[in-house]
Amino acid sequence: MKNFLLLFFLILPLLFFGQKSEGLSFESTIYDFGNLSSNSEAVATFLFSNEAGTPIEIVKIHGGNHCIDIDSSSIKMYAPNEKGIITVIYDTDCKGPIRKTLSVFTSLKDSNTISLKLTGKISD
C-alpha cells in the first residue's frame, strides 16, 4: 500500500503538469533555403502557435543584418492558441553560405528566447 501511494504521488504531478506545453510552439525552428542563385527570391516563414494558457508578446526579433529583413508585423501580443508567422527575407546578393541565427524575445520569464536558424547557399 505504501508503494502504491508513493507511486500515486510521484506520477500524479506528471499527469497534470508534464503534458502542458508552455510558450510558443514552432512547427520548425530551422529553414533551409537550399541552393539559390543570386537575384532569386528567398523568403523564409516560421509558423507557430501560443501553447500557453496566457497571452505571450513577441517583444523583439534580433539577428537581422544587411542581408536579412525581418517582417515586424509579427512583433505583437498573441492570445492563447493563437497562431502566428514570422517572415524573413534574405537578400540573395549576399553570396556564399547562409548560416544565420535569429533570436525571438518573448514576454515569458523563464524561457523568453527562441532561436530560429537559416541555412542554405547562394551561388552566382
C-alpha atoms as a PDB file:
ATOM      1  CA  MET A   1       0.000   0.000   0.000  1.00  0.00           C
ATOM      2  CA  LYS A   2       2.891   2.385   0.767  1.00  0.00           C
ATOM      3  CA  ASN A   3       4.398   1.703  -2.642  1.00  0.00           C
ATOM      4  CA  PHE A   4       1.085   2.427  -4.342  1.00  0.00           C
ATOM      5  CA  LEU A   5       0.688   5.743  -2.517  1.00  0.00           C
ATOM      6  CA  LEU A   6       4.274   6.692  -3.267  1.00  0.00           C
ATOM      7  CA  LEU A   7       3.812   5.964  -6.978  1.00  0.00           C
ATOM      8  CA  PHE A   8       0.488   7.790  -6.982  1.00  0.00           C
ATOM      9  CA  PHE A   9       2.009  10.971  -5.575  1.00  0.00           C
ATOM     10  CA  LEU A  10       5.019  10.791  -7.886  1.00  0.00           C
ATOM     11  CA  ILE A  11       3.048  10.147 -11.067  1.00  0.00           C
ATOM     12  CA  LEU A  12       0.087  12.425 -10.387  1.00  0.00           C
ATOM     13  CA  PRO A  13       2.044  15.668 -10.869  1.00  0.00           C
ATOM     14  CA  LEU A  14       3.437  14.351 -14.149  1.00  0.00           C
ATOM     15  CA  LEU A  15      -0.056  13.700 -15.452  1.00  0.00           C
ATOM     16  CA  PHE A  16      -1.242  17.200 -14.666  1.00  0.00           C
ATOM     17  CA  PHE A  17       1.877  19.230 -15.355  1.00  0.00           C
ATOM     18  CA  GLY A  18       4.027  17.073 -17.649  1.00  0.00           C
ATOM     19  CA  GLN A  19       1.803  17.326 -20.709  1.00  0.00           C
ATOM     20  CA  LYS A  20       1.237  21.072 -20.659  1.00  0.00           C
ATOM     21  CA  SER A  21       3.313  22.932 -23.218  1.00  0.00           C
ATOM     22  CA  GLU A  22       4.272  26.461 -22.248  1.00  0.00           C
ATOM     23  CA  GLY A  23       5.146  29.176 -24.690  1.00  0.00           C
ATOM     24  CA  LEU A  24       5.350  29.487 -28.419  1.00  0.00           C
ATOM     25  CA  SER A  25       5.426  26.192 -30.283  1.00  0.00           C
ATOM     26  CA  PHE A  26       7.106  26.383 -33.705  1.00  0.00           C
ATOM     27  CA  GLU A  27       6.428  23.891 -36.495  1.00  0.00           C
ATOM     28  CA  SER A  28      10.150  24.128 -37.254  1.00  0.00           C
ATOM     29  CA  THR A  29      12.947  26.344 -35.959  1.00  0.00           C
ATOM     30  CA  ILE A  30      15.195  25.715 -38.976  1.00  0.00           C
ATOM     31  CA  TYR A  31      14.578  26.965 -42.502  1.00  0.00           C
ATOM     32  CA  ASP A  32      16.818  25.603 -45.271  1.00  0.00           C
ATOM     33  CA  PHE A  33      16.835  27.690 -48.435  1.00  0.00           C
ATOM     34  CA  GLY A  34      18.850  25.005 -50.220  1.00  0.00           C
ATOM     35  CA  ASN A  35      20.960  26.212 -53.162  1.00  0.00           C
ATOM     36  CA  LEU A  36      19.845  29.548 -54.573  1.00  0.00           C
ATOM     37  CA  SER A  37      21.174  31.713 -57.356  1.00  0.00           C
ATOM     38  CA  SER A  38      21.712  35.423 -56.892  1.00  0.00           C
ATOM     39  CA  ASN A  39      18.767  37.658 -57.817  1.00  0.00           C
ATOM     40  CA  SER A  40      16.283  34.935 -56.854  1.00  0.00           C
ATOM     41  CA  GLU A  41      13.608  35.235 -54.174  1.00  0.00           C
ATOM     42  CA  ALA A  42      14.468  33.916 -50.703  1.00  0.00           C
ATOM     43  CA  VAL A  43      11.627  34.106 -48.184  1.00  0.00           C
ATOM     44  CA  ALA A  44      11.570  32.008 -45.019  1.00  0.00           C
ATOM     45  CA  THR A  45       8.448  31.535 -42.925  1.00  0.00           C
ATOM     46  CA  PHE A  46       8.301  30.217 -39.367  1.00  0.00           C
ATOM     47  CA  LEU A  47       4.812  29.132 -38.273  1.00  0.00           C
ATOM     48  CA  PHE A  48       3.999  28.972 -34.560  1.00  0.00           C
ATOM     49  CA  SER A  49       1.163  28.942 -32.042  1.00  0.00           C
ATOM     50  CA  ASN A  50       0.812  30.129 -28.462  1.00  0.00           C
ATOM     51  CA  GLU A  51       0.504  26.932 -26.411  1.00  0.00           C
ATOM     52  CA  ALA A  52       0.492  28.746 -23.065  1.00  0.00           C
ATOM     53  CA  GLY A  53      -2.647  29.489 -21.093  1.00  0.00           C
ATOM     54  CA  THR A  54      -1.817  33.198 -21.075  1.00  0.00           C
ATOM     55  CA  PRO A  55      -1.062  35.806 -23.739  1.00  0.00           C
ATOM     56  CA  ILE A  56       2.550  35.993 -24.925  1.00  0.00           C
ATOM     57  CA  GLU A  57       4.122  39.003 -26.569  1.00  0.00           C
ATOM     58  CA  ILE A  58       6.922  38.818 -29.097  1.00  0.00           C
ATOM     59  CA  VAL A  59       8.946  41.773 -27.878  1.00  0.00           C
ATOM     60  CA  LYS A  60      11.810  41.774 -30.372  1.00  0.00           C
ATOM     61  CA  ILE A  61      13.386  39.675 -33.121  1.00  0.00           C
ATOM     62  CA  HIS A  62      17.150  40.136 -33.311  1.00  0.00           C
ATOM     63  CA  GLY A  63      19.639  38.837 -35.836  1.00  0.00           C
ATOM     64  CA  GLY A  64      18.954  40.909 -38.854  1.00  0.00           C
ATOM     65  CA  ASN A  65      21.876  42.396 -40.722  1.00  0.00           C
ATOM     66  CA  HIS A  66      22.294  43.895 -44.178  1.00  0.00           C
ATOM     67  CA  CYS A  67      21.346  40.512 -45.734  1.00  0.00           C
ATOM     68  CA  ILE A  68      18.219  39.870 -43.634  1.00  0.00           C
ATOM     69  CA  ASP A  69      14.939  41.764 -43.486  1.00  0.00           C
ATOM     70  CA  ILE A  70      12.518  40.661 -40.750  1.00  0.00           C
ATOM     71  CA  ASP A  71       8.828  41.490 -41.118  1.00  0.00           C
ATOM     72  CA  SER A  72       7.994  43.484 -37.978  1.00  0.00           C
ATOM     73  CA  SER A  73       4.249  42.743 -38.132  1.00  0.00           C
ATOM     74  CA  SER A  74       4.844  39.585 -36.055  1.00  0.00           C
ATOM     75  CA  ILE A  75       6.099  41.667 -33.103  1.00  0.00           C
ATOM     76  CA  LYS A  76       2.877  41.798 -31.101  1.00  0.00           C
ATOM     77  CA  MET A  77       0.783  40.046 -28.436  1.00  0.00           C
ATOM     78  CA  TYR A  78      -0.598  36.534 -29.129  1.00  0.00           C
ATOM     79  CA  ALA A  79      -3.608  35.167 -27.264  1.00  0.00           C
ATOM     80  CA  PRO A  80      -3.670  31.548 -26.040  1.00  0.00           C
ATOM     81  CA  ASN A  81      -3.987  29.153 -29.010  1.00  0.00           C
ATOM     82  CA  GLU A  82      -3.463  31.999 -31.484  1.00  0.00           C
ATOM     83  CA  LYS A  83      -1.290  31.164 -34.479  1.00  0.00           C
ATOM     84  CA  GLY A  84       1.317  33.441 -35.999  1.00  0.00           C
ATOM     85  CA  ILE A  85       4.025  33.634 -38.617  1.00  0.00           C
ATOM     86  CA  ILE A  86       7.473  35.182 -38.702  1.00  0.00           C
ATOM     87  CA  THR A  87       8.565  36.102 -42.230  1.00  0.00           C
ATOM     88  CA  VAL A  88      12.223  36.638 -43.094  1.00  0.00           C
ATOM     89  CA  ILE A  89      13.520  37.847 -46.450  1.00  0.00           C
ATOM     90  CA  TYR A  90      17.127  37.028 -47.333  1.00  0.00           C
ATOM     91  CA  ASP A  91      18.980  39.233 -49.819  1.00  0.00           C
ATOM     92  CA  THR A  92      20.393  36.894 -52.461  1.00  0.00           C
ATOM     93  CA  ASP A  93      23.051  39.452 -53.390  1.00  0.00           C
ATOM     94  CA  CYS A  94      24.836  38.208 -50.224  1.00  0.00           C
ATOM     95  CA  LYS A  95      26.630  35.305 -51.899  1.00  0.00           C
ATOM     96  CA  GLY A  96      28.062  32.319 -50.066  1.00  0.00           C
ATOM     97  CA  PRO A  97      26.795  30.013 -47.350  1.00  0.00           C
ATOM     98  CA  ILE A  98      23.780  31.021 -45.257  1.00  0.00           C
ATOM     99  CA  ARG A  99      24.271  30.291 -41.573  1.00  0.00           C
ATOM    100  CA  LYS A 100      22.249  32.821 -39.618  1.00  0.00           C
ATOM    101  CA  THR A 101      20.521  32.624 -36.250  1.00  0.00           C
ATOM    102  CA  LEU A 102      17.634  34.857 -35.274  1.00  0.00           C
ATOM    103  CA  SER A 103      16.648  35.350 -31.635  1.00  0.00           C
ATOM    104  CA  VAL A 104      12.965  35.796 -30.840  1.00  0.00           C
ATOM    105  CA  PHE A 105      12.466  37.521 -27.481  1.00  0.00           C
ATOM    106  CA  THR A 106       9.122  36.977 -25.741  1.00  0.00           C
ATOM    107  CA  SER A 107       7.434  38.237 -22.600  1.00  0.00           C
ATOM    108  CA  LEU A 108       7.844  34.873 -20.841  1.00  0.00           C
ATOM    109  CA  LYS A 109      10.016  34.993 -17.723  1.00  0.00           C
ATOM    110  CA  ASP A 110      11.574  31.513 -17.779  1.00  0.00           C
ATOM    111  CA  SER A 111      12.014  30.743 -21.481  1.00  0.00           C
ATOM    112  CA  ASN A 112      11.883  34.111 -23.174  1.00  0.00           C
ATOM    113  CA  THR A 113      14.315  33.470 -26.072  1.00  0.00           C
ATOM    114  CA  ILE A 114      13.762  31.174 -29.047  1.00  0.00           C
ATOM    115  CA  SER A 115      16.445  30.607 -31.696  1.00  0.00           C
ATOM    116  CA  LEU A 116      15.482  30.328 -35.361  1.00  0.00           C
ATOM    117  CA  LYS A 117      18.096  29.193 -37.878  1.00  0.00           C
ATOM    118  CA  LEU A 118      18.520  29.962 -41.574  1.00  0.00           C
ATOM    119  CA  THR A 119      20.701  27.712 -43.719  1.00  0.00           C
ATOM    120  CA  GLY A 120      21.497  27.346 -47.397  1.00  0.00           C
ATOM    121  CA  LYS A 121      23.858  28.647 -50.039  1.00  0.00           C
ATOM    122  CA  ILE A 122      23.761  31.442 -52.607  1.00  0.00           C
ATOM    123  CA  SER A 123      25.834  30.964 -55.747  1.00  0.00           C
ATOM    124  CA  ASP A 124      26.392  33.098 -58.846  1.00  0.00           C
END
